[in-house]
Amino acid sequence: MSYDFLGTFNKSQFDRFIAFARSQVPYVEARINHIRREQVRIGSLSFTFDANNLPSEVVANPTTSYLAKLLAAYEVLGGNPFLDLRSRTMDQAVFVRKGSETLPASMMSSGEVLPTKGLRDAFSAELVRSLRGPLQETLHRRFEALERKIRRSLDYSDQLTKELVTLQLYQEVGTLEGSLEFVADQVQNLLGDPTYRAIYNDNGTDPLGLNTYAPFSQYDVEPSVDPQVGGPRRTADLPRRQDTGFIGPGGTKGSGSI
């Protein structure tokens, strides 16, 4: 696959990828406009919780959105969004409250107690299962199916918001952390750092990245003494990567040269 690399690559591979990435920047604004229209179509649900972490209000916005229609259908069929949905947006995440050295964590931020193993509820479970059995299809059709659609739409709305923020930052100037050019400059700095061996400047000799996974050398291949004085020279027996780049078998300097 094209550009199928993450942390291990050479300059030829990165130069090709960053050229492609920059060519896509003019299309980012169109994607942002699409996301904004999609946000209006899907809409959002705003949940308000009281001091006891109980839902006190749920508002669909805009009222003509897909989520607003799902919520209305859910209520018409007998669902109670305050008791049954209890969903939260991305900025209302539930987490485990911190314990201490003497008292382990036992509560969620939503007020729910963390369960433990060994519920010993088999007898009551079988009784309730026998009650739910004849109603299972009705429960699924009237509540579970709609709840799944609502939660999936909420997640989709959150992901749209996350992508929008990422794309807006991506196209910013290079001085802003997280933008395309800012990150590209960080990679270029690593390419210029000979001690960071995971990536290196191949001087255009390996556009396919055939040598990028060569093992790291235990020592650099270089003259062991001043060449003017004479003496043995170190050469590579096996392919390897060192501070000056890739060394092929028998090589005496970096970036694949012999």
Protein backbone atom coordinates (compact mmCIF):
# COMPACT_ATOMS: atom_id res chain seq x y z
CA MET A 1 0.00 0.00 0.00
CA SER A 2 1.23 3.50 -0.77
CA TYR A 3 2.89 5.31 2.14
CA ASP A 4 2.49 2.20 4.30
CA PHE A 5 4.90 3.23 7.06
CA LEU A 6 4.77 4.90 10.44
CA GLY A 7 7.90 5.27 12.56
CA THR A 8 10.48 3.60 10.35
CA PHE A 9 11.25 5.13 6.94
CA ASN A 10 13.85 7.06 4.94
CA LYS A 11 13.85 10.57 3.50
CA SER A 12 12.85 9.45 0.00
CA GLN A 13 9.69 7.83 1.37
CA PHE A 14 8.86 10.80 3.56
CA ASP A 15 9.45 13.36 0.80
CA ARG A 16 7.02 11.48 -1.44
CA PHE A 17 4.40 11.27 1.30
CA ILE A 18 4.64 14.90 2.40
CA ALA A 19 4.33 16.04 -1.22
CA PHE A 20 1.08 14.07 -1.44
CA ALA A 21 -0.15 15.44 1.91
CA ARG A 22 0.46 19.03 0.81
CA SER A 23 -1.39 18.39 -2.45
CA GLN A 24 -4.48 17.46 -0.41
CA VAL A 25 -4.59 20.62 1.70
CA PRO A 26 -6.70 22.57 -0.86
CA TYR A 27 -9.42 19.94 -0.48
CA VAL A 28 -9.56 20.18 3.32
CA GLU A 29 -11.95 23.14 3.29
CA ALA A 30 -14.47 21.19 1.20
CA ARG A 31 -14.34 18.34 3.72
CA ILE A 32 -14.86 20.82 6.57
CA ASN A 33 -17.94 22.24 4.85
CA HIS A 34 -19.32 18.72 4.36
CA ILE A 35 -18.77 17.89 8.04
CA ARG A 36 -20.62 21.04 9.13
CA ARG A 37 -23.60 20.16 6.95
CA GLU A 38 -23.53 16.60 8.27
CA GLN A 39 -23.50 17.90 11.85
CA VAL A 40 -26.68 19.85 11.14
CA ARG A 41 -28.31 16.78 9.58
CA ILE A 42 -27.39 14.41 12.44
CA GLY A 43 -27.82 16.97 15.20
CA SER A 44 -26.86 16.49 18.82
CA LEU A 45 -28.38 15.58 22.16
CA SER A 46 -27.57 17.67 25.20
CA PHE A 47 -27.97 15.86 28.54
CA THR A 48 -28.14 17.76 31.82
CA PHE A 49 -27.53 15.96 35.10
CA ASP A 50 -28.48 17.12 38.59
CA ALA A 51 -26.37 17.00 41.75
CA ASN A 52 -27.21 13.30 42.18
CA ASN A 53 -26.04 12.48 38.64
CA LEU A 54 -29.63 11.85 37.56
CA PRO A 55 -30.68 13.09 34.09
CA SER A 56 -32.81 16.21 34.47
CA GLU A 57 -33.07 17.41 30.88
CA VAL A 58 -32.38 16.19 27.37
CA VAL A 59 -32.56 18.52 24.39
CA ALA A 60 -32.20 17.63 20.71
CA ASN A 61 -30.66 20.32 18.52
CA PRO A 62 -31.71 21.21 15.89
CA THR A 63 -35.29 20.05 16.30
CA THR A 64 -35.42 18.83 12.69
CA SER A 65 -32.27 16.68 12.97
CA TYR A 66 -32.02 12.90 12.69
CA LEU A 67 -31.32 12.56 16.42
CA ALA A 68 -34.37 14.70 17.28
CA LYS A 69 -36.59 12.40 15.22
CA LEU A 70 -35.11 9.29 16.82
CA LEU A 71 -35.64 10.75 20.30
CA ALA A 72 -39.26 11.63 19.51
CA ALA A 73 -39.92 8.12 18.17
CA TYR A 74 -38.29 6.62 21.25
CA GLU A 75 -40.56 8.57 23.59
CA VAL A 76 -43.69 7.79 21.55
CA LEU A 77 -42.96 4.07 21.81
CA GLY A 78 -42.70 4.32 25.60
CA GLY A 79 -38.99 4.85 26.13
CA ASN A 80 -37.83 7.13 28.93
CA PRO A 81 -34.61 8.93 27.91
CA PHE A 82 -34.00 10.00 31.53
CA LEU A 83 -34.04 6.46 32.89
CA ASP A 84 -33.17 4.27 29.89
CA LEU A 85 -30.77 6.22 27.67
CA ARG A 86 -28.55 8.00 30.19
CA SER A 87 -26.13 8.75 27.36
CA ARG A 88 -23.41 11.36 27.55
CA THR A 89 -21.56 13.43 25.01
CA MET A 90 -17.79 13.30 24.55
CA ASP A 91 -17.26 16.15 27.03
CA GLN A 92 -19.32 14.34 29.69
CA ALA A 93 -17.21 11.20 29.92
CA VAL A 94 -17.67 8.85 32.87
CA PHE A 95 -14.55 7.81 34.76
CA VAL A 96 -13.53 5.86 37.84
CA ARG A 97 -13.07 8.08 40.86
CA LYS A 98 -9.58 7.88 42.33
CA GLY A 99 -9.08 5.72 45.39
CA SER A 100 -6.35 5.94 48.01
CA GLU A 101 -3.64 3.79 49.51
CA THR A 102 -6.09 2.40 52.06
CA LEU A 103 -9.39 2.59 50.15
CA PRO A 104 -9.48 1.24 46.58
CA ALA A 105 -11.54 2.89 43.86
CA SER A 106 -15.18 1.92 44.22
CA MET A 107 -17.27 4.61 42.49
CA MET A 108 -17.76 5.96 38.99
CA SER A 109 -18.07 9.70 38.40
CA SER A 110 -21.70 9.05 37.42
CA GLY A 111 -22.45 7.84 40.96
CA GLU A 112 -22.56 4.18 39.97
CA VAL A 113 -20.87 1.69 42.29
CA LEU A 114 -18.22 -0.51 40.67
CA PRO A 115 -19.49 -4.12 40.55
CA THR A 116 -17.57 -7.01 42.03
CA LYS A 117 -17.32 -10.66 41.06
CA GLY A 118 -19.65 -13.28 42.49
CA LEU A 119 -23.05 -11.61 42.21
CA ARG A 120 -24.85 -14.85 43.20
CA ASP A 121 -27.93 -13.79 41.25
CA ALA A 122 -28.58 -16.97 39.27
CA PHE A 123 -31.97 -17.67 40.87
CA SER A 124 -33.39 -14.18 40.29
CA ALA A 125 -31.80 -14.07 36.84
CA GLU A 126 -33.70 -17.17 35.74
CA LEU A 127 -36.97 -15.74 37.06
CA VAL A 128 -36.53 -12.46 35.17
CA ARG A 129 -35.40 -14.31 32.05
CA SER A 130 -38.68 -16.23 32.09
CA LEU A 131 -40.58 -12.93 32.33
CA ARG A 132 -38.60 -11.28 29.53
CA GLY A 133 -38.83 -14.24 27.16
CA PRO A 134 -42.29 -13.56 25.65
CA LEU A 135 -41.50 -9.81 25.44
CA GLN A 136 -38.00 -10.05 23.98
CA GLU A 137 -39.00 -9.24 20.40
CA THR A 138 -41.15 -6.33 21.55
CA LEU A 139 -38.38 -4.95 23.75
CA HIS A 140 -35.92 -5.18 20.88
CA ARG A 141 -38.23 -3.57 18.32
CA ARG A 142 -39.54 -0.75 20.50
CA PHE A 143 -36.50 0.14 22.59
CA GLU A 144 -33.21 -1.67 21.95
CA ALA A 145 -33.12 -1.01 18.20
CA LEU A 146 -33.83 2.70 18.68
CA GLU A 147 -31.40 3.00 21.58
CA ARG A 148 -28.69 1.50 19.41
CA LYS A 149 -29.45 3.99 16.62
CA ILE A 150 -29.41 6.91 19.05
CA ARG A 151 -26.09 5.89 20.61
CA ARG A 152 -24.49 5.25 17.23
CA SER A 153 -25.66 8.66 16.03
CA LEU A 154 -24.31 10.31 19.18
CA ASP A 155 -20.95 8.67 18.60
CA TYR A 156 -21.04 9.71 14.93
CA SER A 157 -21.76 13.31 15.97
CA ASP A 158 -18.83 13.25 18.40
CA GLN A 159 -16.51 11.83 15.74
CA LEU A 160 -17.57 14.53 13.27
CA THR A 161 -16.68 17.19 15.84
CA LYS A 162 -13.32 15.54 16.50
CA GLU A 163 -12.51 15.35 12.78
CA LEU A 164 -13.54 18.97 12.26
CA VAL A 165 -11.14 20.18 14.95
CA THR A 166 -8.33 18.04 13.51
CA LEU A 167 -8.83 19.28 9.95
CA GLN A 168 -9.05 22.92 11.00
CA LEU A 169 -5.73 22.55 12.80
CA TYR A 170 -4.19 20.54 9.94
CA GLN A 171 -4.43 23.42 7.48
CA GLU A 172 -3.09 26.08 9.84
CA VAL A 173 0.32 27.73 9.48
CA GLY A 174 3.45 25.84 10.40
CA THR A 175 3.97 27.74 13.66
CA LEU A 176 0.83 26.23 15.17
CA GLU A 177 1.39 22.91 16.96
CA GLY A 178 -0.46 20.06 15.27
CA SER A 179 -0.62 21.60 11.80
CA LEU A 180 0.71 19.76 8.76
CA GLU A 181 3.78 21.97 8.38
CA PHE A 182 4.53 21.96 12.11
CA VAL A 183 4.62 18.15 12.24
CA ALA A 184 6.53 17.98 8.94
CA ASP A 185 9.21 20.24 10.42
CA GLN A 186 9.51 17.94 13.43
CA VAL A 187 10.08 14.96 11.13
CA GLN A 188 12.69 16.92 9.17
CA ASN A 189 14.49 17.67 12.44
CA LEU A 190 14.59 13.95 13.23
CA LEU A 191 15.92 13.21 9.75
CA GLY A 192 18.77 15.59 10.51
CA ASP A 193 19.53 13.95 13.85
CA PRO A 194 22.12 11.19 13.26
CA THR A 195 21.47 9.66 16.68
CA TYR A 196 17.80 8.93 15.83
CA ARG A 197 18.35 5.85 13.70
CA ALA A 198 14.73 4.84 13.07
CA ILE A 199 14.63 7.27 10.15
CA TYR A 200 17.51 8.56 8.06
CA ASN A 201 18.50 10.46 4.93
CA ASP A 202 19.10 7.91 2.17
CA ASN A 203 20.11 10.67 -0.30
CA GLY A 204 17.54 9.39 -2.76
CA THR A 205 19.11 5.91 -3.11
CA ASP A 206 16.20 3.86 -1.71
CA PRO A 207 12.75 5.19 -2.74
CA LEU A 208 11.20 1.74 -2.16
CA GLY A 209 12.40 1.61 1.44
CA LEU A 210 14.09 -1.76 0.99
CA ASN A 211 16.78 -0.97 3.56
CA THR A 212 14.77 0.75 6.26
CA TYR A 213 14.37 -2.34 8.45
CA ALA A 214 18.06 -3.25 8.51
CA PRO A 215 19.19 -3.87 12.12
CA PHE A 216 21.01 -1.17 14.08
CA SER A 217 24.78 -1.48 14.15
CA GLN A 218 26.71 -1.90 17.39
CA TYR A 219 29.43 0.40 16.04
CA ASP A 220 29.72 2.81 13.12
CA VAL A 221 31.68 1.77 10.04
CA GLU A 222 34.49 4.30 9.73
CA PRO A 223 38.30 4.39 9.66
CA SER A 224 39.70 3.15 12.96
CA VAL A 225 42.79 5.36 12.56
CA ASP A 226 43.82 8.42 10.55
CA PRO A 227 43.93 7.31 6.85
CA GLN A 228 47.12 9.36 6.41
CA VAL A 229 48.81 7.21 8.99
CA GLY A 230 47.40 3.96 7.75
CA GLY A 231 45.88 1.06 9.56
CA PRO A 232 42.78 -1.15 9.36
CA ARG A 233 39.40 0.20 8.22
CA ARG A 234 36.09 -1.05 9.56
CA THR A 235 33.69 -2.45 6.98
CA ALA A 236 30.17 -3.80 7.33
CA ASP A 237 29.78 -7.56 7.16
CA LEU A 238 25.96 -7.44 7.10
CA PRO A 239 23.37 -4.79 6.17
CA ARG A 240 22.88 -2.36 9.03
CA ARG A 241 21.81 1.13 10.04
CA GLN A 242 24.22 3.48 11.80
CA ASP A 243 24.44 7.22 12.55
CA THR A 244 25.24 8.02 8.92
CA GLY A 245 22.39 5.93 7.50
CA PHE A 246 22.22 2.52 5.85
CA ILE A 247 25.37 0.47 5.28
CA GLY A 248 25.42 -2.40 2.80
CA PRO A 249 27.68 -5.45 3.10
CA GLY A 250 31.27 -4.34 2.66
CA GLY A 251 30.30 -0.68 3.00
CA THR A 252 32.50 1.97 4.55
CA LYS A 253 30.07 4.91 4.83
CA GLY A 254 26.40 5.62 5.22
CA SER A 255 23.28 5.77 3.00
CA GLY A 256 24.05 2.58 1.11
CA SER A 257 27.40 3.61 -0.36
CA ILE A 258 30.27 1.14 -0.59
